[in-house]
Protein backbone atom coordinates (compact mmCIF):
# COMPACT_ATOMS: atom_id res chain seq x y z
CA MET A 1 -0.32 -0.22 -0.31
CA SER A 2 1.06 4.02 -1.41
CA GLU A 3 2.01 5.96 1.70
CA VAL A 4 2.40 9.46 2.50
CA VAL A 5 5.99 9.98 3.23
CA ILE A 6 8.25 12.49 5.24
CA VAL A 7 11.82 12.03 4.93
CA GLY A 8 13.36 13.77 7.84
CA ALA A 9 12.30 14.87 11.52
CA GLY A 10 13.99 17.84 11.98
CA PRO A 11 11.90 21.40 12.19
CA ALA A 12 10.32 21.24 8.82
CA GLY A 13 9.24 17.62 8.99
CA ILE A 14 7.93 17.69 12.59
CA ARG A 15 5.80 20.45 11.48
CA ALA A 16 4.79 19.00 8.18
CA ALA A 17 3.88 15.50 10.13
CA GLN A 18 1.68 17.52 12.66
CA THR A 19 0.21 19.89 9.57
CA LEU A 20 -1.32 16.25 8.18
CA CYS A 21 -1.94 14.26 11.21
CA ALA A 22 -4.50 17.76 11.94
CA HIS A 23 -5.74 17.19 8.27
CA GLY A 24 -6.35 13.31 8.95
CA LEU A 25 -3.44 11.61 7.50
CA ARG A 26 -1.44 9.56 9.00
CA PRO A 27 1.92 9.80 7.84
CA VAL A 28 4.74 7.90 7.83
CA LEU A 29 8.06 10.08 9.13
CA LEU A 30 11.36 8.12 8.68
CA ASP A 31 14.26 9.75 10.24
CA GLU A 32 18.19 8.21 10.22
CA ALA A 33 18.66 9.69 13.62
CA PRO A 34 17.50 7.84 16.72
CA GLN A 35 15.52 11.06 17.71
CA GLY A 36 13.25 13.89 16.21
CA GLY A 37 15.14 17.20 16.63
CA GLY A 38 17.38 17.39 13.68
CA GLN A 39 20.60 18.63 13.66
CA VAL A 40 19.59 22.32 15.18
CA TYR A 41 17.03 20.57 18.26
CA ARG A 42 19.09 17.48 17.82
CA GLN A 43 17.95 15.75 21.47
CA GLN A 44 20.57 13.67 24.02
CA PRO A 45 20.04 10.15 24.26
CA PRO A 46 18.80 8.66 27.68
CA GLY A 47 21.14 9.31 30.62
CA PHE A 48 22.28 12.57 29.55
CA THR A 49 21.13 14.95 31.70
CA ARG A 50 22.87 18.53 30.42
CA ASP A 51 20.11 21.77 30.71
CA ALA A 52 18.27 22.64 27.23
CA GLY A 53 19.78 26.20 27.92
CA GLN A 54 23.11 24.70 27.37
CA LEU A 55 22.42 23.20 24.43
CA TYR A 56 19.77 25.18 22.44
CA GLY A 57 20.63 28.80 23.83
CA PHE A 58 18.10 31.16 23.10
CA GLU A 59 16.31 28.45 21.26
CA ARG A 60 15.79 26.34 24.20
CA ARG A 61 11.90 26.52 23.78
CA LYS A 62 11.55 26.63 20.56
CA GLY A 63 13.16 22.74 20.99
CA GLN A 64 11.63 22.11 23.76
CA ALA A 65 8.22 22.51 21.74
CA LEU A 66 9.03 21.25 18.76
CA HIS A 67 10.10 17.97 20.79
CA THR A 68 6.56 17.54 22.19
CA ALA A 69 4.95 18.20 18.80
CA LEU A 70 6.25 15.13 17.83
CA ALA A 71 5.79 13.21 20.97
CA GLN A 72 2.03 14.12 21.30
CA LEU A 73 1.78 12.89 17.72
CA GLU A 74 2.32 9.49 18.84
CA GLY A 75 -0.02 7.14 17.64
CA GLN A 76 -1.05 9.12 14.42
CA LEU A 77 1.46 8.33 12.72
CA ASP A 78 4.17 5.74 11.83
CA TYR A 79 7.31 6.98 13.26
CA ARG A 80 10.34 5.22 13.04
CA PRO A 81 13.40 6.92 14.00
CA ASP A 82 16.88 4.97 12.91
CA THR A 83 15.83 4.78 9.06
CA LEU A 84 18.37 5.79 6.79
CA VAL A 85 16.68 6.57 2.89
CA TRP A 86 19.19 5.78 0.93
CA ASN A 87 18.04 5.49 -2.66
CA ALA A 88 14.93 6.74 -4.01
CA GLU A 89 12.95 6.20 -7.78
CA ALA A 90 9.30 6.70 -7.90
CA PRO A 91 6.98 5.56 -6.44
CA TRP A 92 10.26 3.75 -3.70
CA LEU A 93 12.26 4.10 -1.41
CA ASP A 94 14.28 2.20 0.18
CA THR A 95 15.20 2.25 3.62
CA LEU A 96 17.47 0.65 6.54
CA SER A 97 17.17 0.46 9.79
CA GLN A 98 19.50 0.55 12.66
CA GLY A 99 19.10 -3.49 13.00
CA ARG A 100 20.12 -3.81 8.84
CA GLU A 101 16.84 -4.37 7.73
CA ALA A 102 16.26 -2.51 4.26
CA GLN A 103 12.65 -2.51 2.74
CA ARG A 104 11.29 -0.78 -0.26
CA LEU A 105 8.51 1.51 0.66
CA ALA A 106 6.04 2.73 -1.55
CA PHE A 107 4.56 5.99 -1.70
CA SER A 108 2.36 8.26 -2.93
CA GLU A 109 3.15 11.89 -2.00
CA VAL A 110 6.92 12.11 -0.35
CA LEU A 111 7.39 15.59 1.32
CA ILE A 112 11.70 15.65 1.39
CA ALA A 113 12.98 17.83 4.91
CA THR A 114 16.31 15.86 4.04
CA GLY A 115 18.40 19.44 6.40
CA ALA A 116 21.67 20.41 5.58
CA THR A 117 25.12 19.07 5.96
CA ASP A 118 28.73 21.44 6.30
CA ARG A 119 30.16 23.04 3.03
CA ILE A 120 33.74 21.89 3.33
CA LEU A 121 36.47 23.76 0.84
CA PRO A 122 40.00 21.73 2.30
CA VAL A 123 43.09 22.39 3.58
CA PRO A 124 46.96 21.06 3.92
CA GLY A 125 46.40 18.37 6.84
CA TRP A 126 42.50 18.92 6.84
CA THR A 127 42.46 14.30 6.93
CA LEU A 128 44.88 14.16 9.65
CA PRO A 129 42.85 12.48 13.19
CA GLY A 130 41.38 15.77 15.06
CA VAL A 131 39.76 17.80 12.55
CA TYR A 132 36.11 18.15 12.12
CA SER A 133 33.27 19.64 10.40
CA LEU A 134 32.03 22.58 12.25
CA GLY A 135 28.20 20.13 12.13
CA ALA A 136 30.75 17.26 13.71
CA ALA A 137 31.77 18.92 16.64
CA GLN A 138 28.20 19.73 17.27
CA ILE A 139 26.80 16.82 17.41
CA ALA A 140 29.51 15.53 19.81
CA LEU A 141 29.01 17.71 21.58
CA LYS A 142 24.98 17.55 21.69
CA SER A 143 24.86 13.62 21.66
CA GLN A 144 27.92 13.01 23.29
CA ALA A 145 28.49 15.28 25.82
CA CYS A 146 32.50 15.41 24.64
CA ALA A 147 34.84 17.84 23.70
CA ILE A 148 36.53 16.96 20.43
CA GLY A 149 39.63 18.83 22.29
CA GLU A 150 40.65 20.32 24.74
CA GLN A 151 42.71 23.25 23.26
CA LEU A 152 40.21 23.63 19.90
CA VAL A 153 40.34 26.49 17.10
CA LEU A 154 37.48 27.29 14.97
CA ALA A 155 37.75 27.98 11.57
CA GLY A 156 35.48 29.28 9.05
CA SER A 157 32.58 31.31 8.14
CA GLY A 158 28.11 31.60 8.84
CA PRO A 159 26.48 32.24 11.88
CA LEU A 160 27.21 28.53 13.23
CA LEU A 161 30.86 29.28 13.79
CA TYR A 162 30.12 31.64 16.39
CA LEU A 163 26.75 29.47 17.43
CA LEU A 164 29.30 26.02 18.11
CA ALA A 165 31.70 28.75 20.01
CA TRP A 166 29.63 29.75 22.08
CA GLN A 167 27.94 26.53 23.33
CA TYR A 168 31.59 25.06 23.67
CA ALA A 169 32.50 27.44 25.49
CA LYS A 170 29.55 27.33 28.49
CA ALA A 171 30.23 23.36 28.23
CA GLY A 172 33.44 24.53 29.57
CA ALA A 173 36.12 23.85 26.88
CA PRO A 174 35.91 27.47 25.15
CA PRO A 175 37.98 27.65 21.89
CA LEU A 176 41.60 28.88 21.72
CA MET A 177 40.18 31.30 19.13
CA VAL A 178 37.81 31.75 16.49
CA LEU A 179 39.13 32.37 12.99
CA ASP A 180 36.01 33.74 10.69
CA SER A 181 37.26 34.46 7.09
CA ALA A 182 34.41 36.99 6.42
CA PRO A 183 35.81 40.99 6.81
CA LEU A 184 34.62 42.42 9.48
CA SER A 185 33.68 45.15 6.82
CA ALA A 186 31.27 42.68 5.43
CA GLN A 187 29.37 41.88 8.27
CA ALA A 188 28.95 45.83 8.95
CA ARG A 189 27.46 46.58 5.50
CA ALA A 190 25.03 43.62 5.97
CA THR A 191 24.15 45.15 9.40
CA PRO A 192 20.81 47.10 7.32
CA ALA A 193 19.41 44.12 5.92
CA LEU A 194 20.33 41.83 9.03
CA LEU A 195 17.88 44.05 10.83
CA ALA A 196 14.60 42.84 9.41
CA GLN A 197 14.99 39.94 11.79
CA PRO A 198 15.95 42.05 14.74
CA ALA A 199 15.31 39.91 17.27
CA THR A 200 17.78 36.63 15.54
CA PHE A 201 20.47 39.48 14.18
CA ALA A 202 20.72 41.01 18.17
CA LYS A 203 21.30 36.59 19.77
CA GLY A 204 24.21 37.36 16.83
CA VAL A 205 25.87 40.12 18.42
CA TYR A 206 25.34 39.22 21.66
CA TYR A 207 27.27 35.30 21.11
CA ARG A 208 29.78 37.78 19.36
CA ALA A 209 30.29 39.63 22.31
CA TRP A 210 29.86 36.79 25.22
CA LEU A 211 33.22 35.63 23.50
CA GLY A 212 35.19 38.70 23.68
CA VAL A 213 33.79 39.72 27.34
CA HIS A 214 34.94 35.70 28.24
CA GLY A 215 38.30 35.82 26.60
CA VAL A 216 37.86 34.01 23.39
CA PRO A 217 39.49 35.70 20.57
CA VAL A 218 37.60 36.08 17.38
CA HIS A 219 39.72 37.02 14.43
CA THR A 220 38.03 38.31 11.04
CA GLY A 221 39.11 38.39 7.96
CA ALA A 222 40.95 35.55 8.85
CA GLN A 223 42.32 32.73 6.54
CA LEU A 224 43.34 28.95 7.77
CA LEU A 225 46.10 28.51 5.45
CA ASN A 226 47.11 24.47 7.08
CA VAL A 227 47.29 22.12 9.64
CA GLU A 228 50.00 20.53 11.07
CA GLY A 229 50.54 17.28 12.86
CA ASP A 230 52.62 14.04 12.47
CA GLN A 231 49.60 11.35 13.86
CA ARG A 232 46.99 13.72 14.81
CA VAL A 233 46.37 18.16 14.99
CA GLU A 234 48.89 19.30 16.29
CA ALA A 235 48.87 22.97 15.26
CA VAL A 236 46.98 25.50 13.49
CA HIS A 237 48.68 28.02 10.62
CA TRP A 238 46.90 30.95 9.69
CA GLN A 239 46.89 34.56 7.88
CA ASP A 240 45.43 37.79 9.61
CA SER A 241 43.62 40.27 7.41
CA ARG A 242 46.88 42.26 7.25
CA GLY A 243 48.83 39.41 5.63
CA GLN A 244 50.57 38.47 8.61
CA ALA A 245 50.98 34.84 9.15
CA HIS A 246 50.12 33.09 12.74
CA ARG A 247 50.89 28.93 14.49
CA VAL A 248 48.65 27.77 17.40
CA ALA A 249 49.23 24.58 18.69
CA CYS A 250 46.17 22.82 19.46
CA ASP A 251 44.83 19.53 19.35
CA ALA A 252 41.13 19.88 17.02
CA LEU A 253 40.43 21.49 14.59
CA ALA A 254 36.63 22.33 13.62
CA PHE A 255 35.85 24.26 10.31
CA GLY A 256 33.27 24.75 7.66
CA HIS A 257 32.06 27.33 5.21
CA THR A 258 28.38 27.95 5.88
CA LEU A 259 26.11 24.89 5.21
CA ARG A 260 25.14 23.04 1.64
CA SER A 261 20.87 21.80 1.16
CA GLU A 262 21.17 17.94 0.89
CA THR A 263 19.39 17.51 -2.61
CA GLN A 264 20.31 13.91 -3.43
CA LEU A 265 16.87 11.93 -3.02
CA ALA A 266 15.19 15.19 -5.23
CA ASP A 267 17.55 14.34 -7.60
CA LEU A 268 16.82 10.93 -7.60
CA LEU A 269 13.43 11.24 -8.02
CA GLY A 270 13.83 13.06 -11.37
CA CYS A 271 13.48 16.95 -9.58
CA THR A 272 14.28 20.16 -11.84
CA PHE A 273 17.17 22.16 -10.77
CA GLN A 274 18.30 25.36 -11.08
CA TRP A 275 21.18 27.73 -9.83
CA SER A 276 21.37 29.55 -6.37
CA ALA A 277 23.43 32.78 -5.99
CA ALA A 278 22.58 33.10 -2.42
CA ASN A 279 23.48 28.75 -1.96
CA ARG A 280 26.45 28.72 -4.11
CA ALA A 281 24.53 25.58 -5.27
CA TRP A 282 22.44 23.75 -7.40
CA LEU A 283 18.38 23.80 -5.97
CA PRO A 284 15.34 21.75 -6.52
CA THR A 285 13.16 24.39 -7.79
CA ARG A 286 9.63 24.55 -5.96
CA ASP A 287 7.01 27.27 -6.43
CA GLU A 288 5.43 29.15 -3.65
CA GLY A 289 4.07 25.86 -1.85
CA GLY A 290 6.58 23.50 -1.97
CA ARG A 291 5.92 21.85 -4.66
CA ALA A 292 8.66 20.38 -6.74
CA SER A 293 8.89 19.84 -10.35
CA VAL A 294 7.72 16.14 -10.55
CA THR A 295 3.77 15.63 -9.08
CA GLY A 296 3.77 13.85 -5.50
CA VAL A 297 7.17 15.13 -4.45
CA TYR A 298 7.18 18.54 -2.13
CA LEU A 299 10.71 20.43 -0.56
CA ALA A 300 11.20 21.72 2.78
CA GLY A 301 13.45 23.35 5.15
CA ASP A 302 17.32 23.64 4.29
CA GLY A 303 17.66 20.74 1.90
CA ALA A 304 15.90 22.88 -0.06
CA GLY A 305 17.85 25.99 0.26
CA ILE A 306 19.40 27.63 3.34
CA LEU A 307 16.94 29.62 5.52
CA GLY A 308 17.43 27.64 9.28
CA ALA A 309 15.30 26.35 11.53
CA ASP A 310 12.66 29.25 12.35
CA ALA A 311 12.10 29.04 7.92
CA ALA A 312 12.02 25.51 8.00
CA GLU A 313 9.40 24.53 10.56
CA LEU A 314 6.96 27.33 8.10
CA ALA A 315 7.93 25.59 5.17
CA GLY A 316 7.38 22.07 6.31
CA GLU A 317 3.78 23.55 7.27
CA LEU A 318 3.22 25.51 4.00
CA ALA A 319 4.48 22.31 2.02
CA ALA A 320 2.14 20.12 3.83
CA LEU A 321 -1.03 22.45 3.66
CA SER A 322 -0.17 22.05 -0.25
CA LEU A 323 -0.32 18.58 -0.58
CA VAL A 324 -3.59 18.47 1.42
CA SER A 325 -4.64 20.24 -0.51
CA ASP A 326 -3.52 18.32 -3.96
CA ARG A 327 -5.69 15.79 -2.37
CA GLY A 328 -8.61 18.22 -2.31
CA LEU A 329 -9.18 18.44 1.39
CA HIS A 330 -9.90 22.19 2.73
CA VAL A 331 -6.90 24.38 4.30
CA ASP A 332 -7.46 27.70 5.65
CA PRO A 333 -6.35 30.17 3.21
CA THR A 334 -5.27 32.88 5.39
CA ARG A 335 -3.06 30.42 7.14
CA ARG A 336 -1.03 29.78 4.14
CA HIS A 337 -0.67 33.06 2.56
CA GLU A 338 0.84 34.09 6.47
CA LEU A 339 3.19 31.44 6.00
CA GLN A 340 4.28 32.70 2.34
CA GLN A 341 4.62 36.04 3.72
CA ARG A 342 7.12 34.89 6.92
CA LEU A 343 9.05 32.86 4.45
CA GLY A 344 9.74 36.00 2.46
CA SER A 345 11.05 38.03 4.82
CA LEU A 346 13.37 35.33 6.67
CA GLU A 347 14.66 35.31 2.82
CA ARG A 348 14.94 38.91 2.75
CA PHE A 349 17.26 38.11 5.94
CA ARG A 350 18.70 35.57 4.49
CA GLN A 351 20.51 37.15 1.72
CA GLY A 352 21.68 39.70 4.25
CA LEU A 353 24.17 36.58 6.07
CA GLU A 354 24.82 35.72 2.56
CA ARG A 355 26.42 39.67 2.41
CA ALA A 356 28.15 39.29 5.80
CA PHE A 357 29.66 35.63 5.41
CA PRO A 358 30.45 36.63 2.08
CA PHE A 359 32.29 33.04 0.43
CA PRO A 360 35.82 33.07 0.29
CA GLU A 361 35.86 33.26 -3.69
CA GLN A 362 39.85 32.86 -4.04
CA TRP A 363 40.22 29.73 -2.64
CA ALA A 364 40.24 27.44 -5.38
CA GLY A 365 42.76 29.41 -7.09
CA GLN A 366 45.47 29.32 -3.68
CA ALA A 367 44.88 25.58 -3.19
CA SER A 368 47.88 23.70 -4.16
CA ASP A 369 47.90 21.02 -6.39
CA GLU A 370 49.11 18.77 -3.60
CA LEU A 371 45.83 19.27 -1.48
CA VAL A 372 43.44 16.52 -1.27
CA VAL A 373 40.36 17.25 -2.23
CA CYS A 374 38.06 14.18 -2.55
CA ARG A 375 39.69 11.72 0.34
CA CYS A 376 37.65 8.84 0.01
CA GLU A 377 39.58 8.14 -3.79
CA GLN A 378 42.33 10.48 -2.90
CA VAL A 379 41.93 13.49 -5.65
CA SER A 380 43.53 16.19 -5.06
CA ALA A 381 43.68 19.30 -6.58
CA GLY A 382 46.19 18.74 -9.38
CA GLU A 383 44.59 15.87 -10.70
CA ILE A 384 41.39 18.05 -11.28
CA ARG A 385 43.02 20.75 -12.89
CA ALA A 386 45.69 17.84 -14.79
CA ALA A 387 41.68 16.56 -16.31
CA VAL A 388 40.26 20.29 -17.04
CA ARG A 389 43.67 21.22 -19.08
CA GLN A 390 42.73 17.72 -21.18
CA GLY A 391 39.57 19.65 -22.22
CA HIS A 392 36.95 17.94 -19.56
CA TRP A 393 35.18 20.96 -17.86
CA GLU A 394 31.86 19.78 -17.10
CA ILE A 395 32.05 18.22 -13.38
CA ASN A 396 30.65 14.62 -14.47
CA ARG A 397 33.54 14.42 -16.67
CA VAL A 398 36.28 15.02 -14.57
CA LYS A 399 34.59 12.76 -12.23
CA ALA A 400 34.98 9.81 -14.44
CA THR A 401 38.39 11.23 -15.49
CA CYS A 402 39.89 11.43 -12.11
CA ARG A 403 37.18 9.86 -9.55
CA ILE A 404 36.17 12.80 -7.72
CA GLY A 405 33.02 12.42 -6.34
CA MET A 406 32.99 8.66 -6.58
CA GLY A 407 34.04 7.40 -3.06
CA ARG A 408 31.87 7.08 0.08
CA CYS A 409 30.40 10.13 0.68
CA GLN A 410 29.29 10.42 -2.99
CA GLY A 411 31.06 13.93 -3.48
CA ARG A 412 29.24 15.17 -0.12
CA LEU A 413 32.21 16.58 1.10
CA CYS A 414 34.18 16.99 -1.91
CA GLY A 415 31.66 18.34 -4.62
CA ALA A 416 31.61 21.75 -4.06
CA ALA A 417 35.17 22.18 -3.47
CA ALA A 418 35.60 20.51 -6.68
CA ALA A 419 33.22 22.71 -8.60
CA GLU A 420 34.82 25.64 -7.65
CA LEU A 421 38.35 24.03 -8.58
CA ILE A 422 36.81 23.19 -12.33
CA ALA A 423 35.68 27.08 -12.55
CA CYS A 424 38.84 28.70 -11.56
CA GLU A 425 40.94 26.46 -13.67
CA SER A 426 38.05 26.49 -16.88
CA GLY A 427 37.52 30.48 -16.44
CA ARG A 428 34.50 29.76 -16.13
CA ALA A 429 31.39 30.81 -13.62
CA VAL A 430 30.97 28.13 -11.10
CA ASP A 431 27.14 27.64 -12.20
CA GLN A 432 28.44 26.50 -15.81
CA VAL A 433 30.47 23.78 -14.85
CA GLY A 434 27.35 21.75 -13.35
CA ARG A 435 26.33 19.78 -10.88
CA LEU A 436 27.27 15.83 -9.68
CA ARG A 437 24.04 13.93 -10.69
CA ALA A 438 23.40 11.90 -7.13
CA GLN A 439 24.03 8.32 -7.03
CA ALA A 440 22.22 5.40 -4.48
CA PRO A 441 23.41 4.88 -2.45
CA ILE A 442 23.16 8.16 -1.34
CA LYS A 443 24.61 7.37 2.01
CA PRO A 444 27.44 4.02 2.39
CA LEU A 445 25.46 0.76 3.00
CA PRO A 446 26.93 -2.14 5.37
CA PHE A 447 27.74 -5.45 3.48
CA GLY A 448 25.17 -8.10 2.94
CA VAL A 449 22.47 -5.25 2.94
CA GLU A 450 18.95 -7.66 1.72
CA VAL A 451 16.28 -5.20 -0.19
CA LYS A 452 13.15 -6.65 0.96
CA PRO A 453 9.77 -5.74 -0.78
């Protein structure tokens, strides 16, 4: 029997489930995590008792409300945590549960709310033990109540950089320093746009000020040069806004340049994509109600474009209302209009964030040929450039030539960096080199998995 399926139990997925249940539907809610909440509201394992304020900061009430909303849906939906969706081919989703039971699930409609992951721009030494993405460092703190090191450096750009620094400091593991690649001037120029959401802007200012008051140095316009170490991280080298080089001893590094949407399922389902300058990425197209180009597929949350947790909740509800309406059921047009208006306001704020934390476009030109870009296949920047010099400037042709993106992560970590290198070497804009096509499995699977109908 075909089901209404939601993939992802973060802010978008939970609000979508709540909306569908309120209109008399009983969806299947699939989530890779053991408990709902997504990355931003990730729950602690049983037995962990850290205060919600330490976990979620100013967003503790929102996180608790979302967890409560999911708990109150018990009996009204088919909730399947610890379940990975690793392939999609309409009208089927292939799933794998924690017990390694693989199943094929038929759907009539699917609402994809898969969220986002870190956007990584590699530096020499980034494959050493002790180097994490910003998101992974946050997962360690939330899910395992542990720091990734005793002498930690955070680097990159984006709001998560400051939130994570604050969370680690509040947990008793303050970072040695924060290296923000965005210049202070860019953040100042973006202030008028950021004031479109004054409460959110104020939170960001607070985190930044709190770090300064509590002795955590923040360096803007800083460039991470390389990671030093033998068996693990021993130091990082960086350059300040004046061009002066520095070395700081440390035992851990977390870095990342904002976020990238998880779009593989939409790709496998045949959805149309278009280039998003704001996200510097190819994203699945959707109408103002969250409908994808493929009938019966709906998109919501950061997996369709980075807008943050608040927007994800609104988009999840809106996409669910579109699904309900497409089934011929009544929805409140006033509520739908209100959701669209609020999302429009958040989109303007998002544009301000992009100006405040600009993408470091100089990265590709400065990357050395020896730099490992694809750690799965050990593909270097030089090999990518060599493929381009052979005449292969479309990213999937480069992939076929040098195996970039063919490893276990399927390009989720290296794809963005590879596109930047190809564009730089070929003299093209990054949107002209194409996008890596999704391949199943979208995440690694154990050997011996047998799919059951």
